């Protein structure tokens, strides 16, 4: 049942704008699959779905392979300008401060950018930890982030 549900979720998010877990649960229900919020949440994590901007100020779920369609350079610039409110660093770590609720989307965009110095990101609600290698690259990455 789980693999069938996962396949259906992938199909749903490709064909519809699904903004919330509740929207996804409702779409599954319309396809005769009853789920709890906990199940939907687990499925989202297992499928590694991300929230991406729709271009009209809203966000939707997308699979990681869909990210490249949503995180082109122009959208990344707009996303950073609209959501990042501060940048600070120490050693090889950069902290990006964002508006509440937007850290995950900004982190996904940064991950998608595939900057060679960025090992990875960890996002909370309004903070992103960016790990940089080598640490000597931090000033250049901070400058790039501030210029966005």
C-alpha atoms as a PDB file:
ATOM      1  CA  UNK A   1       0.000   0.000   0.000  1.00  0.00           C
ATOM      2  CA  UNK A   2       2.844   2.376   0.856  1.00  0.00           C
ATOM      3  CA  UNK A   3       4.528   2.104  -2.554  1.00  0.00           C
ATOM      4  CA  UNK A   4       1.175   2.659  -4.283  1.00  0.00           C
ATOM      5  CA  UNK A   5       0.536   5.708  -2.087  1.00  0.00           C
ATOM      6  CA  UNK A   6       4.017   7.110  -2.774  1.00  0.00           C
ATOM      7  CA  UNK A   7       3.553   6.691  -6.521  1.00  0.00           C
ATOM      8  CA  UNK A   8       0.190   8.449  -6.296  1.00  0.00           C
ATOM      9  CA  UNK A   9       1.678  11.299  -4.243  1.00  0.00           C
ATOM     10  CA  UNK A  10       4.349  11.847  -6.900  1.00  0.00           C
ATOM     11  CA  UNK A  11       1.666  11.925  -9.573  1.00  0.00           C
ATOM     12  CA  UNK A  12      -0.516  14.322  -7.576  1.00  0.00           C
ATOM     13  CA  UNK A  13       2.236  16.863  -6.897  1.00  0.00           C
ATOM     14  CA  UNK A  14       3.284  16.841 -10.548  1.00  0.00           C
ATOM     15  CA  UNK A  15      -0.267  17.508 -11.759  1.00  0.00           C
ATOM     16  CA  UNK A  16      -1.638  19.779  -9.012  1.00  0.00           C
ATOM     17  CA  UNK A  17      -0.451  22.633  -6.834  1.00  0.00           C
ATOM     18  CA  UNK A  18      -0.376  21.096  -3.364  1.00  0.00           C
ATOM     19  CA  UNK A  19       0.439  23.728  -0.756  1.00  0.00           C
ATOM     20  CA  UNK A  20      -0.197  21.914   2.538  1.00  0.00           C
ATOM     21  CA  UNK A  21      -0.257  18.459   4.068  1.00  0.00           C
ATOM     22  CA  UNK A  22      -4.010  18.854   4.367  1.00  0.00           C
ATOM     23  CA  UNK A  23      -4.252  19.507   0.603  1.00  0.00           C
ATOM     24  CA  UNK A  24      -2.256  16.338  -0.030  1.00  0.00           C
ATOM     25  CA  UNK A  25      -4.426  14.274   2.333  1.00  0.00           C
ATOM     26  CA  UNK A  26      -7.546  15.585   0.563  1.00  0.00           C
ATOM     27  CA  UNK A  27      -6.119  14.732  -2.882  1.00  0.00           C
ATOM     28  CA  UNK A  28      -5.328  11.217  -1.663  1.00  0.00           C
ATOM     29  CA  UNK A  29      -8.849  10.904  -0.257  1.00  0.00           C
ATOM     30  CA  UNK A  30     -10.277  11.819  -3.683  1.00  0.00           C
ATOM     31  CA  UNK A  31      -8.253   8.877  -4.988  1.00  0.00           C
ATOM     32  CA  UNK A  32      -9.819   6.576  -2.370  1.00  0.00           C
ATOM     33  CA  UNK A  33      -6.801   6.505  -0.041  1.00  0.00           C
ATOM     34  CA  UNK A  34      -7.491   7.462   3.569  1.00  0.00           C
ATOM     35  CA  UNK A  35      -4.450   8.777   5.478  1.00  0.00           C
ATOM     36  CA  UNK A  36      -3.716  10.513   8.744  1.00  0.00           C
ATOM     37  CA  UNK A  37      -1.704  13.716   9.027  1.00  0.00           C
ATOM     38  CA  UNK A  38       1.145  11.692  10.566  1.00  0.00           C
ATOM     39  CA  UNK A  39       1.206   9.366   7.550  1.00  0.00           C
ATOM     40  CA  UNK A  40       1.254  12.295   5.124  1.00  0.00           C
ATOM     41  CA  UNK A  41       4.074  13.909   7.094  1.00  0.00           C
ATOM     42  CA  UNK A  42       6.087  10.653   7.026  1.00  0.00           C
ATOM     43  CA  UNK A  43       5.460  10.229   3.298  1.00  0.00           C
ATOM     44  CA  UNK A  44       6.687  13.776   2.625  1.00  0.00           C
ATOM     45  CA  UNK A  45       9.906  13.048   4.522  1.00  0.00           C
ATOM     46  CA  UNK A  46      10.439   9.654   2.883  1.00  0.00           C
ATOM     47  CA  UNK A  47       9.873  11.085  -0.600  1.00  0.00           C
ATOM     48  CA  UNK A  48      12.107  14.058   0.330  1.00  0.00           C
ATOM     49  CA  UNK A  49       9.523  16.495  -0.980  1.00  0.00           C
ATOM     50  CA  UNK A  50      10.430  20.156  -0.767  1.00  0.00           C
ATOM     51  CA  UNK A  51       8.397  23.346  -0.825  1.00  0.00           C
ATOM     52  CA  UNK A  52       9.163  25.499  -3.835  1.00  0.00           C
ATOM     53  CA  UNK A  53       7.832  28.913  -4.854  1.00  0.00           C
ATOM     54  CA  UNK A  54       5.004  28.942  -7.380  1.00  0.00           C
ATOM     55  CA  UNK A  55       5.937  32.405  -8.618  1.00  0.00           C
ATOM     56  CA  UNK A  56       2.907  34.158  -7.165  1.00  0.00           C
ATOM     57  CA  UNK A  57       4.097  34.373  -3.575  1.00  0.00           C
ATOM     58  CA  UNK A  58       2.837  30.920  -2.653  1.00  0.00           C
ATOM     59  CA  UNK A  59       4.661  27.610  -2.190  1.00  0.00           C
ATOM     60  CA  UNK A  60       3.918  24.067  -3.280  1.00  0.00           C
ATOM     61  CA  UNK A  61       5.311  20.605  -2.721  1.00  0.00           C
ATOM     62  CA  UNK A  62       7.673  19.253  -5.364  1.00  0.00           C
ATOM     63  CA  UNK A  63       9.928  16.242  -5.653  1.00  0.00           C
ATOM     64  CA  UNK A  64      13.675  16.913  -5.592  1.00  0.00           C
ATOM     65  CA  UNK A  65      14.010  16.103  -9.296  1.00  0.00           C
ATOM     66  CA  UNK A  66      11.537  18.913 -10.044  1.00  0.00           C
ATOM     67  CA  UNK A  67      13.606  21.509  -8.164  1.00  0.00           C
ATOM     68  CA  UNK A  68      15.692  22.607 -11.126  1.00  0.00           C
ATOM     69  CA  UNK A  69      12.541  23.882 -12.835  1.00  0.00           C
ATOM     70  CA  UNK A  70      11.761  26.071  -9.855  1.00  0.00           C
ATOM     71  CA  UNK A  71      15.180  27.316  -8.732  1.00  0.00           C
ATOM     72  CA  UNK A  72      16.633  29.083 -11.730  1.00  0.00           C
ATOM     73  CA  UNK A  73      18.927  32.048 -11.069  1.00  0.00           C
ATOM     74  CA  UNK A  74      16.212  34.721 -11.335  1.00  0.00           C
ATOM     75  CA  UNK A  75      13.919  32.934  -8.920  1.00  0.00           C
ATOM     76  CA  UNK A  76      16.793  32.332  -6.515  1.00  0.00           C
ATOM     77  CA  UNK A  77      17.621  36.054  -6.517  1.00  0.00           C
ATOM     78  CA  UNK A  78      13.968  36.958  -5.939  1.00  0.00           C
ATOM     79  CA  UNK A  79      13.640  34.319  -3.209  1.00  0.00           C
ATOM     80  CA  UNK A  80      16.738  35.582  -1.388  1.00  0.00           C
ATOM     81  CA  UNK A  81      15.755  39.249  -1.689  1.00  0.00           C
ATOM     82  CA  UNK A  82      12.232  38.554  -0.442  1.00  0.00           C
ATOM     83  CA  UNK A  83      13.172  36.240   2.441  1.00  0.00           C
ATOM     84  CA  UNK A  84      16.768  36.604   3.663  1.00  0.00           C
ATOM     85  CA  UNK A  85      17.124  39.294   6.323  1.00  0.00           C
ATOM     86  CA  UNK A  86      20.662  38.681   7.600  1.00  0.00           C
ATOM     87  CA  UNK A  87      23.960  36.892   7.034  1.00  0.00           C
ATOM     88  CA  UNK A  88      26.668  36.147   9.612  1.00  0.00           C
ATOM     89  CA  UNK A  89      29.514  33.646   9.862  1.00  0.00           C
ATOM     90  CA  UNK A  90      32.085  32.004  12.113  1.00  0.00           C
ATOM     91  CA  UNK A  91      34.904  29.750  10.924  1.00  0.00           C
ATOM     92  CA  UNK A  92      33.417  27.563   8.162  1.00  0.00           C
ATOM     93  CA  UNK A  93      29.768  28.158   9.118  1.00  0.00           C
ATOM     94  CA  UNK A  94      27.414  30.751   7.688  1.00  0.00           C
ATOM     95  CA  UNK A  95      24.048  31.534   9.256  1.00  0.00           C
ATOM     96  CA  UNK A  96      21.314  33.013   7.082  1.00  0.00           C
ATOM     97  CA  UNK A  97      18.420  34.655   8.917  1.00  0.00           C
ATOM     98  CA  UNK A  98      15.132  34.502   6.999  1.00  0.00           C
ATOM     99  CA  UNK A  99      11.545  35.526   7.443  1.00  0.00           C
ATOM    100  CA  UNK A 100       9.610  32.978   9.533  1.00  0.00           C
ATOM    101  CA  UNK A 101       8.682  29.863   7.586  1.00  0.00           C
ATOM    102  CA  UNK A 102      10.940  30.475   4.596  1.00  0.00           C
ATOM    103  CA  UNK A 103      14.233  28.915   5.685  1.00  0.00           C
ATOM    104  CA  UNK A 104      13.483  25.517   4.116  1.00  0.00           C
ATOM    105  CA  UNK A 105      12.756  26.979   0.710  1.00  0.00           C
ATOM    106  CA  UNK A 106      15.791  29.263   0.765  1.00  0.00           C
ATOM    107  CA  UNK A 107      18.000  26.348   1.861  1.00  0.00           C
ATOM    108  CA  UNK A 108      16.633  24.169  -0.954  1.00  0.00           C
ATOM    109  CA  UNK A 109      17.451  26.921  -3.454  1.00  0.00           C
ATOM    110  CA  UNK A 110      20.973  27.216  -2.075  1.00  0.00           C
ATOM    111  CA  UNK A 111      21.422  23.438  -2.247  1.00  0.00           C
ATOM    112  CA  UNK A 112      20.138  23.443  -5.823  1.00  0.00           C
ATOM    113  CA  UNK A 113      22.660  26.139  -6.784  1.00  0.00           C
ATOM    114  CA  UNK A 114      25.396  23.516  -6.374  1.00  0.00           C
ATOM    115  CA  UNK A 115      28.041  26.026  -5.292  1.00  0.00           C
ATOM    116  CA  UNK A 116      31.197  23.911  -4.892  1.00  0.00           C
ATOM    117  CA  UNK A 117      32.068  25.476  -1.514  1.00  0.00           C
ATOM    118  CA  UNK A 118      28.713  24.566   0.056  1.00  0.00           C
ATOM    119  CA  UNK A 119      28.855  21.135   1.682  1.00  0.00           C
ATOM    120  CA  UNK A 120      25.236  21.370   2.775  1.00  0.00           C
ATOM    121  CA  UNK A 121      22.538  23.295   4.571  1.00  0.00           C
ATOM    122  CA  UNK A 122      20.353  22.729   7.608  1.00  0.00           C
ATOM    123  CA  UNK A 123      17.167  24.758   7.831  1.00  0.00           C
ATOM    124  CA  UNK A 124      14.957  25.576  10.765  1.00  0.00           C
ATOM    125  CA  UNK A 125      11.964  27.887  10.604  1.00  0.00           C
ATOM    126  CA  UNK A 126      13.845  31.164  10.156  1.00  0.00           C
ATOM    127  CA  UNK A 127      17.539  30.219  10.237  1.00  0.00           C
ATOM    128  CA  UNK A 128      19.782  28.292   7.875  1.00  0.00           C
ATOM    129  CA  UNK A 129      23.159  26.832   8.763  1.00  0.00           C
ATOM    130  CA  UNK A 130      25.399  26.655   5.693  1.00  0.00           C
ATOM    131  CA  UNK A 131      28.542  24.518   5.987  1.00  0.00           C
ATOM    132  CA  UNK A 132      31.446  25.691   3.805  1.00  0.00           C
ATOM    133  CA  UNK A 133      34.645  23.907   2.746  1.00  0.00           C
ATOM    134  CA  UNK A 134      37.348  25.134   2.810  1.00  0.00           C
ATOM    135  CA  UNK A 135      36.847  27.723   5.520  1.00  0.00           C
ATOM    136  CA  UNK A 136      38.989  30.171   3.535  1.00  0.00           C
ATOM    137  CA  UNK A 137      36.100  30.328   1.019  1.00  0.00           C
ATOM    138  CA  UNK A 138      33.667  31.725   3.603  1.00  0.00           C
ATOM    139  CA  UNK A 139      34.302  35.450   2.881  1.00  0.00           C
ATOM    140  CA  UNK A 140      33.720  34.912  -0.843  1.00  0.00           C
ATOM    141  CA  UNK A 141      30.510  32.919  -0.229  1.00  0.00           C
ATOM    142  CA  UNK A 142      29.255  35.551   2.250  1.00  0.00           C
ATOM    143  CA  UNK A 143      29.948  38.244  -0.355  1.00  0.00           C
ATOM    144  CA  UNK A 144      28.048  36.251  -3.000  1.00  0.00           C
ATOM    145  CA  UNK A 145      25.110  35.797  -0.615  1.00  0.00           C
ATOM    146  CA  UNK A 146      25.043  39.479   0.294  1.00  0.00           C
ATOM    147  CA  UNK A 147      25.120  40.443  -3.403  1.00  0.00           C
ATOM    148  CA  UNK A 148      22.047  38.359  -4.115  1.00  0.00           C
END
